[in-house]
Protein backbone atom coordinates (compact mmCIF):
# COMPACT_ATOMS: atom_id res chain seq x y z
CA MET A 1 -12.03 -4.60 41.74
CA TYR A 2 -10.18 -6.22 38.86
CA LYS A 3 -6.43 -5.62 38.98
CA THR A 4 -5.43 -7.42 35.79
CA VAL A 5 -7.27 -6.82 32.51
CA LEU A 6 -6.73 -9.10 29.53
CA PHE A 7 -7.80 -7.89 26.10
CA ASP A 8 -8.52 -9.73 22.91
CA LEU A 9 -7.22 -7.85 19.84
CA ASP A 10 -9.41 -8.46 16.78
CA GLY A 11 -12.93 -7.16 17.27
CA THR A 12 -12.12 -5.79 20.72
CA LEU A 13 -9.30 -3.25 20.35
CA THR A 14 -9.27 -2.94 16.57
CA ASP A 15 -11.62 -3.63 13.69
CA PRO A 16 -9.59 -5.92 11.39
CA GLY A 17 -12.51 -6.82 9.12
CA LEU A 18 -11.07 -5.58 5.83
CA GLY A 19 -7.59 -7.03 6.31
CA ILE A 20 -8.68 -10.44 7.56
CA THR A 21 -11.38 -10.97 4.94
CA ASN A 22 -9.05 -9.84 2.14
CA SER A 23 -6.42 -12.27 3.41
CA VAL A 24 -8.88 -15.16 3.64
CA ALA A 25 -10.24 -14.40 0.16
CA TYR A 26 -6.66 -14.33 -1.16
CA ALA A 27 -5.98 -17.76 0.36
CA LEU A 28 -9.23 -19.29 -0.87
CA LYS A 29 -8.56 -18.03 -4.38
CA LYS A 30 -5.45 -20.20 -4.43
CA TYR A 31 -7.84 -23.18 -4.23
CA GLY A 32 -10.20 -21.84 -6.90
CA ILE A 33 -12.75 -20.62 -4.37
CA GLU A 34 -14.29 -17.21 -5.06
CA VAL A 35 -16.18 -15.50 -2.25
CA GLY A 36 -18.91 -13.13 -3.37
CA GLU A 37 -19.96 -11.45 -0.14
CA ARG A 38 -17.31 -10.25 2.30
CA GLU A 39 -19.72 -10.78 5.24
CA LYS A 40 -19.43 -14.55 4.72
CA LEU A 41 -15.83 -14.33 5.89
CA TYR A 42 -16.50 -12.40 9.10
CA ALA A 43 -16.73 -15.76 10.88
CA PHE A 44 -12.94 -16.01 10.45
CA ILE A 45 -12.43 -13.03 12.78
CA GLY A 46 -11.57 -14.30 16.24
CA PRO A 47 -11.24 -18.10 16.11
CA PRO A 48 -8.00 -19.87 15.13
CA LEU A 49 -7.70 -19.84 11.33
CA ASN A 50 -7.14 -23.57 10.92
CA GLU A 51 -10.42 -24.26 12.72
CA SER A 52 -12.28 -21.86 10.42
CA PHE A 53 -10.85 -23.27 7.19
CA LYS A 54 -11.87 -26.75 8.34
CA LYS A 55 -15.29 -25.71 9.60
CA TYR A 56 -16.45 -23.47 6.75
CA TYR A 57 -14.65 -24.98 3.75
CA ASN A 58 -14.12 -28.60 4.86
CA PHE A 59 -10.34 -28.35 4.56
CA SER A 60 -8.28 -31.17 6.04
CA GLU A 61 -5.80 -30.28 8.78
CA GLU A 62 -2.94 -30.36 6.27
CA LYS A 63 -4.83 -28.24 3.73
CA ALA A 64 -5.88 -25.78 6.45
CA MET A 65 -2.27 -25.29 7.53
CA GLU A 66 -1.27 -24.75 3.91
CA ALA A 67 -4.08 -22.19 3.54
CA ILE A 68 -2.80 -20.31 6.60
CA TRP A 69 0.55 -19.77 4.91
CA CYS A 70 -1.27 -18.48 1.81
CA TYR A 71 -3.30 -16.18 4.08
CA ARG A 72 -0.08 -14.85 5.63
CA GLU A 73 1.38 -14.01 2.20
CA TYR A 74 -1.23 -11.28 1.89
CA PHE A 75 -1.71 -10.45 5.56
CA SER A 76 1.95 -9.86 6.39
CA GLU A 77 2.33 -7.30 3.60
CA LYS A 78 -1.09 -5.63 3.28
CA GLY A 79 -3.82 -7.12 5.46
CA ILE A 80 -2.10 -6.33 8.75
CA PHE A 81 -2.54 -2.61 8.05
CA GLU A 82 -6.08 -2.84 6.64
CA ASN A 83 -7.28 -2.31 10.16
CA GLU A 84 -8.52 0.50 12.40
CA ILE A 85 -8.65 1.12 16.13
CA TYR A 86 -12.12 1.36 17.66
CA GLU A 87 -13.14 4.81 18.84
CA GLY A 88 -12.41 5.32 22.53
CA ILE A 89 -9.95 2.42 22.91
CA ARG A 90 -6.85 4.58 23.36
CA GLN A 91 -8.59 6.62 26.07
CA LEU A 92 -9.80 3.42 27.75
CA LEU A 93 -6.29 1.97 27.89
CA GLN A 94 -4.94 5.25 29.26
CA LYS A 95 -7.52 5.22 32.07
CA ILE A 96 -6.84 1.58 32.94
CA LYS A 97 -3.08 2.15 33.11
CA ALA A 98 -3.54 5.34 35.14
CA SER A 99 -5.63 3.35 37.64
CA GLY A 100 -2.63 1.12 38.36
CA ARG A 101 -3.96 -2.05 36.77
CA LYS A 102 -1.91 -4.52 34.76
CA VAL A 103 -2.93 -4.67 31.08
CA ILE A 104 -2.40 -7.84 29.04
CA LEU A 105 -2.97 -8.63 25.36
CA ALA A 106 -4.15 -12.21 24.77
CA THR A 107 -4.83 -12.89 21.10
CA SER A 108 -5.08 -15.90 18.80
CA LYS A 109 -3.25 -13.84 16.18
CA PRO A 110 0.45 -14.74 15.89
CA GLU A 111 2.40 -12.76 18.45
CA GLU A 112 4.73 -11.11 15.95
CA PHE A 113 1.75 -9.76 13.99
CA ALA A 114 0.08 -8.56 17.19
CA LEU A 115 3.21 -6.64 18.19
CA LYS A 116 3.35 -4.96 14.77
CA ILE A 117 -0.30 -3.92 15.05
CA LEU A 118 0.17 -2.44 18.53
CA ASP A 119 3.21 -0.53 17.27
CA TYR A 120 1.32 0.67 14.19
CA PHE A 121 -1.49 2.11 16.32
CA GLU A 122 0.97 3.33 19.00
CA LEU A 123 -0.67 1.21 21.70
CA THR A 124 2.37 -0.82 22.81
CA GLU A 125 3.12 1.43 25.80
CA TYR A 126 -0.17 0.50 27.48
CA PHE A 127 0.55 -3.23 27.68
CA ASP A 128 2.56 -4.98 30.36
CA VAL A 129 2.46 -8.30 28.51
CA VAL A 130 1.72 -9.25 24.91
CA ALA A 131 0.76 -12.89 24.42
CA GLY A 132 -0.25 -14.31 21.05
CA ALA A 133 -0.37 -17.51 19.08
CA SER A 134 2.77 -19.20 17.82
CA MET A 135 3.48 -19.12 14.08
CA ASP A 136 3.44 -22.93 13.92
CA GLU A 137 -0.17 -22.89 15.22
CA LYS A 138 0.72 -25.18 18.14
CA ARG A 139 -0.44 -22.42 20.49
CA ASN A 140 -3.51 -20.90 18.88
CA LYS A 141 -6.52 -21.78 21.05
CA LYS A 142 -7.54 -18.91 23.31
CA GLY A 143 -7.30 -21.02 26.47
CA ASP A 144 -3.68 -21.90 25.67
CA VAL A 145 -2.86 -18.28 24.81
CA ILE A 146 -4.31 -17.07 28.12
CA LYS A 147 -2.38 -19.72 30.04
CA TYR A 148 0.78 -18.57 28.26
CA ALA A 149 -0.04 -14.95 29.13
CA MET A 150 -0.41 -15.87 32.80
CA GLU A 151 2.96 -17.65 32.80
CA LYS A 152 4.66 -14.84 30.88
CA GLY A 153 3.12 -12.10 33.05
CA GLY A 154 3.43 -13.90 36.38
CA PHE A 155 -0.18 -13.36 37.44
CA THR A 156 -3.00 -15.65 38.56
CA SER A 157 -6.72 -15.73 37.85
CA GLU A 158 -7.46 -13.89 41.08
CA GLY A 159 -8.53 -10.33 40.30
CA ALA A 160 -8.23 -10.90 36.55
CA VAL A 161 -10.83 -10.39 33.81
CA MET A 162 -10.82 -11.14 30.07
CA VAL A 163 -12.41 -8.68 27.63
CA GLY A 164 -13.37 -10.06 24.22
CA ASP A 165 -16.00 -10.13 21.50
CA ARG A 166 -16.32 -13.84 20.65
CA GLU A 167 -17.24 -17.04 22.46
CA HIS A 168 -13.64 -18.26 22.15
CA ASP A 169 -12.54 -15.43 24.46
CA ILE A 170 -15.14 -16.47 27.02
CA PHE A 171 -14.37 -20.18 26.85
CA GLY A 172 -10.61 -19.57 26.99
CA ALA A 173 -10.92 -17.40 30.09
CA GLN A 174 -13.22 -19.93 31.76
CA GLU A 175 -10.63 -22.67 31.19
CA ASN A 176 -8.21 -20.59 33.23
CA GLY A 177 -10.64 -19.53 35.96
CA ILE A 178 -10.79 -15.92 34.77
CA ASP A 179 -13.90 -13.71 34.81
CA THR A 180 -15.21 -12.36 31.51
CA ILE A 181 -16.61 -9.25 29.84
CA GLY A 182 -18.14 -9.72 26.40
CA VAL A 183 -18.29 -6.69 24.11
CA LEU A 184 -21.06 -6.09 21.57
CA TYR A 185 -19.34 -3.63 19.24
CA GLY A 186 -17.12 -6.37 17.73
CA TYR A 187 -18.03 -9.47 15.74
CA GLY A 188 -19.88 -11.56 18.32
CA SER A 189 -23.59 -11.24 19.11
CA ARG A 190 -25.20 -10.88 22.51
CA GLU A 191 -26.67 -14.36 22.03
CA GLU A 192 -23.25 -15.87 21.34
CA LEU A 193 -21.64 -14.21 24.34
CA GLU A 194 -24.45 -14.94 26.78
CA LYS A 195 -24.68 -18.56 25.62
CA ALA A 196 -20.93 -18.91 26.19
CA GLY A 197 -21.41 -17.65 29.75
CA ALA A 198 -19.97 -14.14 29.71
CA MET A 199 -20.28 -12.70 33.23
CA TYR A 200 -20.80 -9.15 31.99
CA ILE A 201 -21.78 -7.54 28.71
CA ALA A 202 -20.40 -4.18 27.51
CA GLU A 203 -22.48 -2.59 24.80
CA ASN A 204 -19.79 -0.02 24.02
CA VAL A 205 -16.20 0.87 24.87
CA ASP A 206 -17.21 3.24 27.70
CA ASP A 207 -19.01 0.41 29.51
CA ILE A 208 -15.79 -1.56 29.94
CA PHE A 209 -14.12 0.75 32.46
CA ALA A 210 -17.30 0.96 34.53
CA LEU A 211 -17.42 -2.85 34.73
CA LEU A 212 -13.86 -3.04 36.05
């Protein structure tokens, strides 16, 4: 039985699609780039932003970091609240806490934004530890965030499992010797999660508790 449950935020606890894509579009517009279809920007949900700007728009490291600050201009004021909690998540967290397990947030979103989102949705009380990326992007890879969460929360990989919707969640957990549950209701496909090596697949929110 898993005693420590780590959760990704975007695409796992909440659907941030509108806020993130609006923020990315806002940043790209600063460089004269207009994005026609919002779906093209869904790839930005989950991975570190600097990686996505470099991968999808061929930005240099310096330009990608600059774009992140443009992104945050919009996100910090509007995008952070253009978000909604997935149906059943609050009940899931209540059940996990009631079962005596430790609940951890491990997200590549900057920690101060993650804390605001948890407060906004009144989810903060369910988490023993909140671990996110640093604003300077020095800690943004999921493996580093999970390692930080382990240090901050004082737990080991034994009896721990990571729940997330993208391959980065799976790879980051594997780096730290932690088991994984991939969820299909977020932004990653079954193919992506299985190829990454997810130990279990949850088709919906209800499946998660059963897998624990």
